[in-house]
Amino acid sequence: MRLIAAPITIEDQAWVCARAFVAPGITLGQGAVAGACSVVTKNVPAWTIVCGNPARPLRERRLQGPAAHSDSQEAG
C-alpha cells in the first residue's frame, strides 16, 4: 500500500481539538472545529463543528459579542 502524503489545510480561526486525526489532503474551512478524538476524513465547510469517528457535522458555529459581525463572518 502506498503512503499518501498530502498537505492538510487549516484556515483562519479553525480549531483541531485534542487527539483528533485529520487525514492527508483535508481542508478545515475558516472557523471550523474538529472535536476531540474525531477522525476527519472529508473536508469541513467554514463555520461547521464536526465530531465522531468518522467525523460528522454537529452544528454550525456562531460567534457572539462584538467580533461576531466583523469581516470574519458574514451576517445572514
PDB file of N, CA and C in Angstrom:
ATOM      1  N   MET A   1       0.838  -1.169   0.000  1.00  0.00           N
ATOM      2  CA  MET A   1       0.000   0.000   0.000  1.00  0.00           C
ATOM      3  C   MET A   1       0.890   1.242   0.000  1.00  0.00           C
ATOM      4  N   ARG A   2       0.543   2.204  -0.854  1.00  0.00           N
ATOM      5  CA  ARG A   2       1.320   3.437  -0.956  1.00  0.00           C
ATOM      6  C   ARG A   2       1.025   4.379   0.195  1.00  0.00           C
ATOM      7  N   LEU A   3       2.050   5.069   0.638  1.00  0.00           N
ATOM      8  CA  LEU A   3       1.902   6.107   1.641  1.00  0.00           C
ATOM      9  C   LEU A   3       1.374   7.360   0.949  1.00  0.00           C
ATOM     10  N   ILE A   4       0.301   7.922   1.485  1.00  0.00           N
ATOM     11  CA  ILE A   4      -0.283   9.130   0.911  1.00  0.00           C
ATOM     12  C   ILE A   4       0.232  10.329   1.690  1.00  0.00           C
ATOM     13  N   ALA A   5       0.901  11.225   0.988  1.00  0.00           N
ATOM     14  CA  ALA A   5       1.416  12.433   1.620  1.00  0.00           C
ATOM     15  C   ALA A   5       0.801  13.627   0.910  1.00  0.00           C
ATOM     16  N   ALA A   6      -0.128  14.274   1.570  1.00  0.00           N
ATOM     17  CA  ALA A   6      -0.771  15.463   1.010  1.00  0.00           C
ATOM     18  C   ALA A   6      -0.920  16.482   2.133  1.00  0.00           C
ATOM     19  N   PRO A   7      -0.830  17.765   1.813  1.00  0.00           N
ATOM     20  CA  PRO A   7      -0.908  18.784   2.866  1.00  0.00           C
ATOM     21  C   PRO A   7      -2.305  18.877   3.477  1.00  0.00           C
ATOM     22  N   ILE A   8      -2.349  19.184   4.759  1.00  0.00           N
ATOM     23  CA  ILE A   8      -3.587  19.463   5.475  1.00  0.00           C
ATOM     24  C   ILE A   8      -3.681  20.981   5.567  1.00  0.00           C
ATOM     25  N   THR A   9      -4.863  21.535   5.238  1.00  0.00           N
ATOM     26  CA  THR A   9      -5.062  22.976   5.283  1.00  0.00           C
ATOM     27  C   THR A   9      -6.002  23.316   6.430  1.00  0.00           C
ATOM     28  N   ILE A  10      -5.528  24.160   7.339  1.00  0.00           N
ATOM     29  CA  ILE A  10      -6.337  24.625   8.461  1.00  0.00           C
ATOM     30  C   ILE A  10      -6.442  26.135   8.313  1.00  0.00           C
ATOM     31  N   GLU A  11      -7.632  26.592   7.923  1.00  0.00           N
ATOM     32  CA  GLU A  11      -7.828  28.012   7.642  1.00  0.00           C
ATOM     33  C   GLU A  11      -7.965  28.827   8.928  1.00  0.00           C
ATOM     34  N   ASP A  12      -8.003  30.157   8.781  1.00  0.00           N
ATOM     35  CA  ASP A  12      -8.070  31.081   9.917  1.00  0.00           C
ATOM     36  C   ASP A  12      -9.218  30.735  10.866  1.00  0.00           C
ATOM     37  N   GLN A  13      -8.956  30.848  12.150  1.00  0.00           N
ATOM     38  CA  GLN A  13      -9.906  30.678  13.243  1.00  0.00           C
ATOM     39  C   GLN A  13     -10.466  29.254  13.346  1.00  0.00           C
ATOM     40  N   ALA A  14      -9.858  28.288  12.678  1.00  0.00           N
ATOM     41  CA  ALA A  14     -10.284  26.885  12.788  1.00  0.00           C
ATOM     42  C   ALA A  14      -9.536  26.237  13.952  1.00  0.00           C
ATOM     43  N   TRP A  15     -10.151  25.235  14.574  1.00  0.00           N
ATOM     44  CA  TRP A  15      -9.551  24.520  15.699  1.00  0.00           C
ATOM     45  C   TRP A  15      -9.481  23.039  15.383  1.00  0.00           C
ATOM     46  N   VAL A  16      -8.417  22.410  15.858  1.00  0.00           N
ATOM     47  CA  VAL A  16      -8.334  20.950  15.879  1.00  0.00           C
ATOM     48  C   VAL A  16      -8.141  20.596  17.352  1.00  0.00           C
ATOM     49  N   CYS A  17      -9.140  19.973  17.940  1.00  0.00           N
ATOM     50  CA  CYS A  17      -9.113  19.677  19.379  1.00  0.00           C
ATOM     51  C   CYS A  17      -8.233  18.462  19.682  1.00  0.00           C
ATOM     52  N   ALA A  18      -8.047  18.195  20.962  1.00  0.00           N
ATOM     53  CA  ALA A  18      -7.138  17.159  21.446  1.00  0.00           C
ATOM     54  C   ALA A  18      -7.406  15.790  20.821  1.00  0.00           C
ATOM     55  N   ARG A  19      -6.341  15.134  20.420  1.00  0.00           N
ATOM     56  CA  ARG A  19      -6.331  13.769  19.906  1.00  0.00           C
ATOM     57  C   ARG A  19      -7.172  13.554  18.653  1.00  0.00           C
ATOM     58  N   ALA A  20      -7.516  14.636  17.930  1.00  0.00           N
ATOM     59  CA  ALA A  20      -8.243  14.495  16.670  1.00  0.00           C
ATOM     60  C   ALA A  20      -7.264  14.073  15.577  1.00  0.00           C
ATOM     61  N   PHE A  21      -7.734  13.235  14.650  1.00  0.00           N
ATOM     62  CA  PHE A  21      -6.947  12.820  13.495  1.00  0.00           C
ATOM     63  C   PHE A  21      -7.533  13.490  12.267  1.00  0.00           C
ATOM     64  N   VAL A  22      -6.682  14.201  11.511  1.00  0.00           N
ATOM     65  CA  VAL A  22      -7.096  14.829  10.265  1.00  0.00           C
ATOM     66  C   VAL A  22      -6.320  14.138   9.151  1.00  0.00           C
ATOM     67  N   ALA A  23      -7.038  13.502   8.233  1.00  0.00           N
ATOM     68  CA  ALA A  23      -6.409  12.727   7.161  1.00  0.00           C
ATOM     69  C   ALA A  23      -5.658  13.635   6.177  1.00  0.00           C
ATOM     70  N   PRO A  24      -4.714  13.071   5.443  1.00  0.00           N
ATOM     71  CA  PRO A  24      -3.968  13.845   4.451  1.00  0.00           C
ATOM     72  C   PRO A  24      -4.889  14.452   3.397  1.00  0.00           C
ATOM     73  N   GLY A  25      -4.582  15.683   2.985  1.00  0.00           N
ATOM     74  CA  GLY A  25      -5.324  16.347   1.919  1.00  0.00           C
ATOM     75  C   GLY A  25      -6.609  17.018   2.349  1.00  0.00           C
ATOM     76  N   ILE A  26      -6.923  16.996   3.631  1.00  0.00           N
ATOM     77  CA  ILE A  26      -8.175  17.557   4.132  1.00  0.00           C
ATOM     78  C   ILE A  26      -8.028  19.060   4.379  1.00  0.00           C
ATOM     79  N   THR A  27      -9.124  19.804   4.155  1.00  0.00           N
ATOM     80  CA  THR A  27      -9.174  21.234   4.446  1.00  0.00           C
ATOM     81  C   THR A  27     -10.231  21.486   5.504  1.00  0.00           C
ATOM     82  N   LEU A  28      -9.848  22.178   6.580  1.00  0.00           N
ATOM     83  CA  LEU A  28     -10.791  22.670   7.576  1.00  0.00           C
ATOM     84  C   LEU A  28     -11.021  24.127   7.239  1.00  0.00           C
ATOM     85  N   GLY A  29     -12.259  24.455   6.853  1.00  0.00           N
ATOM     86  CA  GLY A  29     -12.592  25.807   6.426  1.00  0.00           C
ATOM     87  C   GLY A  29     -12.462  26.817   7.554  1.00  0.00           C
ATOM     88  N   GLN A  30     -12.570  28.087   7.205  1.00  0.00           N
ATOM     89  CA  GLN A  30     -12.442  29.169   8.183  1.00  0.00           C
ATOM     90  C   GLN A  30     -13.422  28.952   9.323  1.00  0.00           C
ATOM     91  N   GLY A  31     -12.919  28.999  10.559  1.00  0.00           N
ATOM     92  CA  GLY A  31     -13.746  28.893  11.745  1.00  0.00           C
ATOM     93  C   GLY A  31     -14.285  27.509  12.053  1.00  0.00           C
ATOM     94  N   ALA A  32     -13.897  26.498  11.298  1.00  0.00           N
ATOM     95  CA  ALA A  32     -14.374  25.131  11.540  1.00  0.00           C
ATOM     96  C   ALA A  32     -13.737  24.558  12.799  1.00  0.00           C
ATOM     97  N   VAL A  33     -14.402  23.552  13.388  1.00  0.00           N
ATOM     98  CA  VAL A  33     -13.880  22.898  14.591  1.00  0.00           C
ATOM     99  C   VAL A  33     -13.962  21.388  14.407  1.00  0.00           C
ATOM    100  N   ALA A  34     -12.839  20.700  14.622  1.00  0.00           N
ATOM    101  CA  ALA A  34     -12.804  19.240  14.657  1.00  0.00           C
ATOM    102  C   ALA A  34     -12.753  18.862  16.136  1.00  0.00           C
ATOM    103  N   GLY A  35     -13.811  18.229  16.641  1.00  0.00           N
ATOM    104  CA  GLY A  35     -13.927  17.903  18.060  1.00  0.00           C
ATOM    105  C   GLY A  35     -12.877  16.917  18.532  1.00  0.00           C
ATOM    106  N   ALA A  36     -12.722  16.831  19.845  1.00  0.00           N
ATOM    107  CA  ALA A  36     -11.739  15.943  20.460  1.00  0.00           C
ATOM    108  C   ALA A  36     -11.957  14.502  20.019  1.00  0.00           C
ATOM    109  N   CYS A  37     -10.888  13.814  19.712  1.00  0.00           N
ATOM    110  CA  CYS A  37     -10.859  12.398  19.327  1.00  0.00           C
ATOM    111  C   CYS A  37     -11.596  12.105  18.019  1.00  0.00           C
ATOM    112  N   SER A  38     -11.892  13.133  17.215  1.00  0.00           N
ATOM    113  CA  SER A  38     -12.575  12.934  15.938  1.00  0.00           C
ATOM    114  C   SER A  38     -11.618  12.371  14.895  1.00  0.00           C
ATOM    115  N   VAL A  39     -12.196  11.703  13.894  1.00  0.00           N
ATOM    116  CA  VAL A  39     -11.440  11.209  12.748  1.00  0.00           C
ATOM    117  C   VAL A  39     -12.010  11.904  11.520  1.00  0.00           C
ATOM    118  N   VAL A  40     -11.291  12.922  11.036  1.00  0.00           N
ATOM    119  CA  VAL A  40     -11.781  13.763   9.941  1.00  0.00           C
ATOM    120  C   VAL A  40     -11.232  13.217   8.620  1.00  0.00           C
ATOM    121  N   THR A  41     -12.131  12.706   7.778  1.00  0.00           N
ATOM    122  CA  THR A  41     -11.728  12.111   6.502  1.00  0.00           C
ATOM    123  C   THR A  41     -12.326  12.842   5.303  1.00  0.00           C
ATOM    124  N   LYS A  42     -13.115  13.885   5.564  1.00  0.00           N
ATOM    125  CA  LYS A  42     -13.706  14.698   4.492  1.00  0.00           C
ATOM    126  C   LYS A  42     -13.494  16.166   4.830  1.00  0.00           C
ATOM    127  N   ASN A  43     -13.445  17.021   3.809  1.00  0.00           N
ATOM    128  CA  ASN A  43     -13.284  18.448   4.027  1.00  0.00           C
ATOM    129  C   ASN A  43     -14.412  18.979   4.909  1.00  0.00           C
ATOM    130  N   VAL A  44     -14.085  19.950   5.750  1.00  0.00           N
ATOM    131  CA  VAL A  44     -15.055  20.538   6.671  1.00  0.00           C
ATOM    132  C   VAL A  44     -15.361  21.949   6.194  1.00  0.00           C
ATOM    133  N   PRO A  45     -16.645  22.253   5.922  1.00  0.00           N
ATOM    134  CA  PRO A  45     -17.007  23.596   5.470  1.00  0.00           C
ATOM    135  C   PRO A  45     -16.734  24.649   6.545  1.00  0.00           C
ATOM    136  N   ALA A  46     -16.645  25.895   6.125  1.00  0.00           N
ATOM    137  CA  ALA A  46     -16.418  27.002   7.051  1.00  0.00           C
ATOM    138  C   ALA A  46     -17.516  27.056   8.107  1.00  0.00           C
ATOM    139  N   TRP A  47     -17.118  27.394   9.345  1.00  0.00           N
ATOM    140  CA  TRP A  47     -18.008  27.617  10.482  1.00  0.00           C
ATOM    141  C   TRP A  47     -18.866  26.397  10.815  1.00  0.00           C
ATOM    142  N   THR A  48     -18.317  25.204  10.635  1.00  0.00           N
ATOM    143  CA  THR A  48     -19.013  23.963  10.958  1.00  0.00           C
ATOM    144  C   THR A  48     -18.251  23.216  12.040  1.00  0.00           C
ATOM    145  N   ILE A  49     -18.979  22.636  12.999  1.00  0.00           N
ATOM    146  CA  ILE A  49     -18.381  21.810  14.045  1.00  0.00           C
ATOM    147  C   ILE A  49     -18.627  20.358  13.678  1.00  0.00           C
ATOM    148  N   VAL A  50     -17.563  19.560  13.629  1.00  0.00           N
ATOM    149  CA  VAL A  50     -17.687  18.130  13.354  1.00  0.00           C
ATOM    150  C   VAL A  50     -17.131  17.338  14.527  1.00  0.00           C
ATOM    151  N   CYS A  51     -17.666  16.129  14.729  1.00  0.00           N
ATOM    152  CA  CYS A  51     -17.140  15.268  15.783  1.00  0.00           C
ATOM    153  C   CYS A  51     -17.499  13.822  15.465  1.00  0.00           C
ATOM    154  N   GLY A  52     -16.775  12.913  16.101  1.00  0.00           N
ATOM    155  CA  GLY A  52     -17.062  11.495  15.965  1.00  0.00           C
ATOM    156  C   GLY A  52     -16.055  10.761  15.103  1.00  0.00           C
ATOM    157  N   ASN A  53     -16.330   9.459  14.931  1.00  0.00           N
ATOM    158  CA  ASN A  53     -15.497   8.575  14.118  1.00  0.00           C
ATOM    159  C   ASN A  53     -16.423   7.721  13.253  1.00  0.00           C
ATOM    160  N   PRO A  54     -16.559   8.073  11.976  1.00  0.00           N
ATOM    161  CA  PRO A  54     -15.970   9.219  11.273  1.00  0.00           C
ATOM    162  C   PRO A  54     -16.650  10.520  11.678  1.00  0.00           C
ATOM    163  N   ALA A  55     -15.935  11.632  11.504  1.00  0.00           N
ATOM    164  CA  ALA A  55     -16.467  12.937  11.901  1.00  0.00           C
ATOM    165  C   ALA A  55     -17.685  13.287  11.056  1.00  0.00           C
ATOM    166  N   ARG A  56     -18.726  13.742  11.761  1.00  0.00           N
ATOM    167  CA  ARG A  56     -19.968  14.165  11.105  1.00  0.00           C
ATOM    168  C   ARG A  56     -20.318  15.559  11.598  1.00  0.00           C
ATOM    169  N   PRO A  57     -21.013  16.351  10.756  1.00  0.00           N
ATOM    170  CA  PRO A  57     -21.400  17.697  11.198  1.00  0.00           C
ATOM    171  C   PRO A  57     -22.292  17.639  12.431  1.00  0.00           C
ATOM    172  N   LEU A  58     -21.977  18.451  13.415  1.00  0.00           N
ATOM    173  CA  LEU A  58     -22.766  18.535  14.638  1.00  0.00           C
ATOM    174  C   LEU A  58     -23.702  19.743  14.568  1.00  0.00           C
ATOM    175  N   ARG A  59     -23.110  20.896  14.250  1.00  0.00           N
ATOM    176  CA  ARG A  59     -23.899  22.108  14.090  1.00  0.00           C
ATOM    177  C   ARG A  59     -23.034  23.191  13.472  1.00  0.00           C
ATOM    178  N   GLU A  60     -23.664  24.323  13.152  1.00  0.00           N
ATOM    179  CA  GLU A  60     -22.948  25.474  12.631  1.00  0.00           C
ATOM    180  C   GLU A  60     -22.411  26.280  13.808  1.00  0.00           C
ATOM    181  N   ARG A  61     -21.222  26.811  13.665  1.00  0.00           N
ATOM    182  CA  ARG A  61     -20.607  27.611  14.723  1.00  0.00           C
ATOM    183  C   ARG A  61     -21.000  29.064  14.538  1.00  0.00           C
ATOM    184  N   ARG A  62     -21.470  29.683  15.599  1.00  0.00           N
ATOM    185  CA  ARG A  62     -21.854  31.095  15.581  1.00  0.00           C
ATOM    186  C   ARG A  62     -21.075  31.832  16.665  1.00  0.00           C
ATOM    187  N   LEU A  63     -20.493  32.962  16.291  1.00  0.00           N
ATOM    188  CA  LEU A  63     -19.753  33.774  17.249  1.00  0.00           C
ATOM    189  C   LEU A  63     -20.701  34.746  17.924  1.00  0.00           C
ATOM    190  N   GLN A  64     -20.387  35.111  19.162  1.00  0.00           N
ATOM    191  CA  GLN A  64     -21.179  36.085  19.908  1.00  0.00           C
ATOM    192  C   GLN A  64     -20.279  37.222  20.341  1.00  0.00           C
ATOM    193  N   GLY A  65     -20.864  38.369  20.570  1.00  0.00           N
ATOM    194  CA  GLY A  65     -20.099  39.516  21.034  1.00  0.00           C
ATOM    195  C   GLY A  65     -19.729  40.454  19.906  1.00  0.00           C
ATOM    196  N   PRO A  66     -18.879  41.449  20.195  1.00  0.00           N
ATOM    197  CA  PRO A  66     -18.547  42.483  19.216  1.00  0.00           C
ATOM    198  C   PRO A  66     -17.849  41.947  17.971  1.00  0.00           C
ATOM    199  N   ALA A  67     -17.088  40.882  18.097  1.00  0.00           N
ATOM    200  CA  ALA A  67     -16.361  40.339  16.942  1.00  0.00           C
ATOM    201  C   ALA A  67     -17.254  39.508  16.035  1.00  0.00           C
ATOM    202  N   ALA A  68     -18.483  39.228  16.442  1.00  0.00           N
ATOM    203  CA  ALA A  68     -19.368  38.333  15.700  1.00  0.00           C
ATOM    204  C   ALA A  68     -19.700  38.833  14.306  1.00  0.00           C
ATOM    205  N   HIS A  69     -19.762  40.121  14.119  1.00  0.00           N
ATOM    206  CA  HIS A  69     -20.179  40.645  12.825  1.00  0.00           C
ATOM    207  C   HIS A  69     -19.045  41.382  12.115  1.00  0.00           C
ATOM    208  N   SER A  70     -17.829  41.040  12.439  1.00  0.00           N
ATOM    209  CA  SER A  70     -16.697  41.631  11.746  1.00  0.00           C
ATOM    210  C   SER A  70     -16.551  40.975  10.385  1.00  0.00           C
ATOM    211  N   ASP A  71     -15.499  41.286   9.688  1.00  0.00           N
ATOM    212  CA  ASP A  71     -15.301  40.736   8.341  1.00  0.00           C
ATOM    213  C   ASP A  71     -15.001  39.241   8.354  1.00  0.00           C
ATOM    214  N   SER A  72     -14.865  38.615   9.521  1.00  0.00           N
ATOM    215  CA  SER A  72     -14.561  37.184   9.583  1.00  0.00           C
ATOM    216  C   SER A  72     -15.782  36.309   9.378  1.00  0.00           C
ATOM    217  N   GLN A  73     -17.005  36.873   9.509  1.00  0.00           N
ATOM    218  CA  GLN A  73     -18.223  36.082   9.328  1.00  0.00           C
ATOM    219  C   GLN A  73     -19.315  36.990   8.791  1.00  0.00           C
ATOM    220  N   GLU A  74     -19.942  36.580   7.707  1.00  0.00           N
ATOM    221  CA  GLU A  74     -20.987  37.379   7.109  1.00  0.00           C
ATOM    222  C   GLU A  74     -22.280  37.244   7.898  1.00  0.00           C
ATOM    223  N   ALA A  75     -22.973  38.341   8.082  1.00  0.00           N
ATOM    224  CA  ALA A  75     -24.286  38.303   8.733  1.00  0.00           C
ATOM    225  C   ALA A  75     -25.295  37.770   7.724  1.00  0.00           C
ATOM    226  N   GLY A  76     -26.178  36.906   8.159  1.00  0.00           N
ATOM    227  CA  GLY A  76     -27.077  36.315   7.195  1.00  0.00           C
ATOM    228  C   GLY A  76     -28.410  36.270   7.650  1.00  0.00           C
TER     229      GLY A  76
END
